[in-house]
Protein backbone atom coordinates (compact mmCIF):
# COMPACT_ATOMS: atom_id res chain seq x y z
CA UNK A 1 64.04 11.09 -56.11
CA UNK A 2 64.57 10.52 -52.50
CA UNK A 3 67.61 9.07 -51.42
CA UNK A 4 67.15 6.08 -49.40
CA UNK A 5 69.10 5.63 -46.33
CA UNK A 6 71.50 2.57 -46.15
CA UNK A 7 70.87 1.79 -42.58
CA UNK A 8 68.72 1.81 -39.92
CA UNK A 9 68.37 0.16 -36.27
CA UNK A 10 64.81 -1.26 -34.66
CA UNK A 11 64.08 -2.82 -31.44
CA UNK A 12 61.11 -4.68 -31.02
CA UNK A 13 59.57 -7.21 -28.29
CA UNK A 14 57.11 -9.29 -29.08
CA UNK A 15 54.88 -11.80 -28.03
CA UNK A 16 51.50 -13.25 -27.23
CA UNK A 17 50.92 -11.64 -24.00
CA UNK A 18 52.72 -8.28 -24.85
CA UNK A 19 51.09 -5.13 -23.42
CA UNK A 20 52.03 -2.40 -25.36
CA UNK A 21 51.47 0.32 -22.75
CA UNK A 22 53.42 -1.80 -20.15
CA UNK A 23 56.36 -1.26 -22.10
CA UNK A 24 55.50 2.39 -23.16
CA UNK A 25 55.73 3.21 -19.60
CA UNK A 26 58.51 0.99 -18.71
CA UNK A 27 60.71 2.90 -21.63
CA UNK A 28 58.98 6.10 -21.33
CA UNK A 29 58.60 6.11 -24.88
CA UNK A 30 55.42 6.32 -27.53
CA UNK A 31 56.21 3.34 -29.89
CA UNK A 32 55.94 3.65 -33.79
CA UNK A 33 53.92 0.25 -33.87
CA UNK A 34 51.77 -0.90 -31.10
CA UNK A 35 49.95 -4.25 -31.42
CA UNK A 36 47.68 -5.88 -28.96
CA UNK A 37 46.97 -9.86 -30.19
CA UNK A 38 43.41 -9.59 -31.17
CA UNK A 39 42.94 -5.98 -31.23
CA UNK A 40 42.55 -3.83 -34.18
CA UNK A 41 45.35 -1.64 -34.61
CA UNK A 42 46.55 1.25 -36.77
CA UNK A 43 49.23 0.05 -39.27
CA UNK A 44 52.64 2.09 -40.05
CA UNK A 45 50.33 3.99 -43.03
CA UNK A 46 48.35 5.25 -40.56
CA UNK A 47 45.05 3.23 -41.24
CA UNK A 48 43.26 0.84 -38.79
CA UNK A 49 43.91 -2.85 -39.73
CA UNK A 50 41.61 -5.10 -41.75
CA UNK A 51 41.92 -8.38 -39.27
CA UNK A 52 42.93 -8.21 -35.10
CA UNK A 53 46.54 -8.81 -34.86
CA UNK A 54 48.28 -12.08 -34.93
CA UNK A 55 50.49 -11.12 -32.24
CA UNK A 56 51.53 -8.48 -29.77
CA UNK A 57 54.66 -6.22 -30.90
CA UNK A 58 56.27 -2.99 -29.45
CA UNK A 59 58.46 -1.52 -32.17
CA UNK A 60 60.53 1.52 -32.47
CA UNK A 61 62.98 2.75 -34.91
CA UNK A 62 65.70 5.23 -35.98
CA UNK A 63 65.05 5.40 -39.38
CA UNK A 64 63.04 8.35 -39.36
CA UNK A 65 64.73 10.11 -36.66
CA UNK A 66 68.25 9.35 -37.68
CA UNK A 67 69.59 10.98 -41.12
CA UNK A 68 72.76 8.64 -41.83
CA UNK A 69 74.02 6.06 -43.47
CA UNK A 70 76.30 4.56 -41.11
CA UNK A 71 74.80 1.99 -38.75
CA UNK A 72 76.45 3.93 -35.29
CA UNK A 73 74.37 6.83 -34.87
CA UNK A 74 71.27 4.64 -35.32
CA UNK A 75 72.07 2.51 -33.01
CA UNK A 76 72.70 5.21 -30.20
CA UNK A 77 69.72 6.48 -30.72
CA UNK A 78 68.01 3.52 -29.54
CA UNK A 79 70.21 2.97 -26.59
CA UNK A 80 69.74 6.59 -25.54
CA UNK A 81 66.38 6.84 -26.18
CA UNK A 82 65.07 3.30 -24.54
CA UNK A 83 67.66 3.94 -21.49
CA UNK A 84 69.40 0.69 -22.34
CA UNK A 85 71.02 -1.02 -20.77
CA UNK A 86 68.29 -1.91 -18.25
CA UNK A 87 69.03 -4.12 -15.72
CA UNK A 88 65.68 -5.90 -15.08
CA UNK A 89 64.72 -6.26 -19.22
CA UNK A 90 65.97 -9.96 -19.53
CA UNK A 91 64.44 -11.37 -16.66
CA UNK A 92 60.73 -9.41 -17.30
CA UNK A 93 60.63 -10.68 -20.75
CA UNK A 94 61.53 -14.72 -19.31
CA UNK A 95 58.99 -14.13 -16.76
CA UNK A 96 56.17 -13.21 -19.18
CA UNK A 97 57.25 -15.03 -22.34
CA UNK A 98 57.86 -12.22 -24.57
CA UNK A 99 61.40 -12.36 -26.93
CA UNK A 100 63.60 -9.07 -28.21
């Protein structure tokens, strides 16, 4: 039986106008999930989606990279991996109508 982690952390940005390539370049990170609204995408299981994306999504999580039942290492991983805080992030989200 596989041990299940009690903690993980996820950072995501979503919205109708989201362009995953922009956010991958902005953070210099490839996401776990990237969806462009109206386009087919690869599901987390690695299969092509049956329907186009209903909303744009850029997501990265700690569940695979960090093995800990404590939340702190998961949050630290995301902060370091994404280079947070980013001074202009809040403004870019507001200007593009996206949410985090």
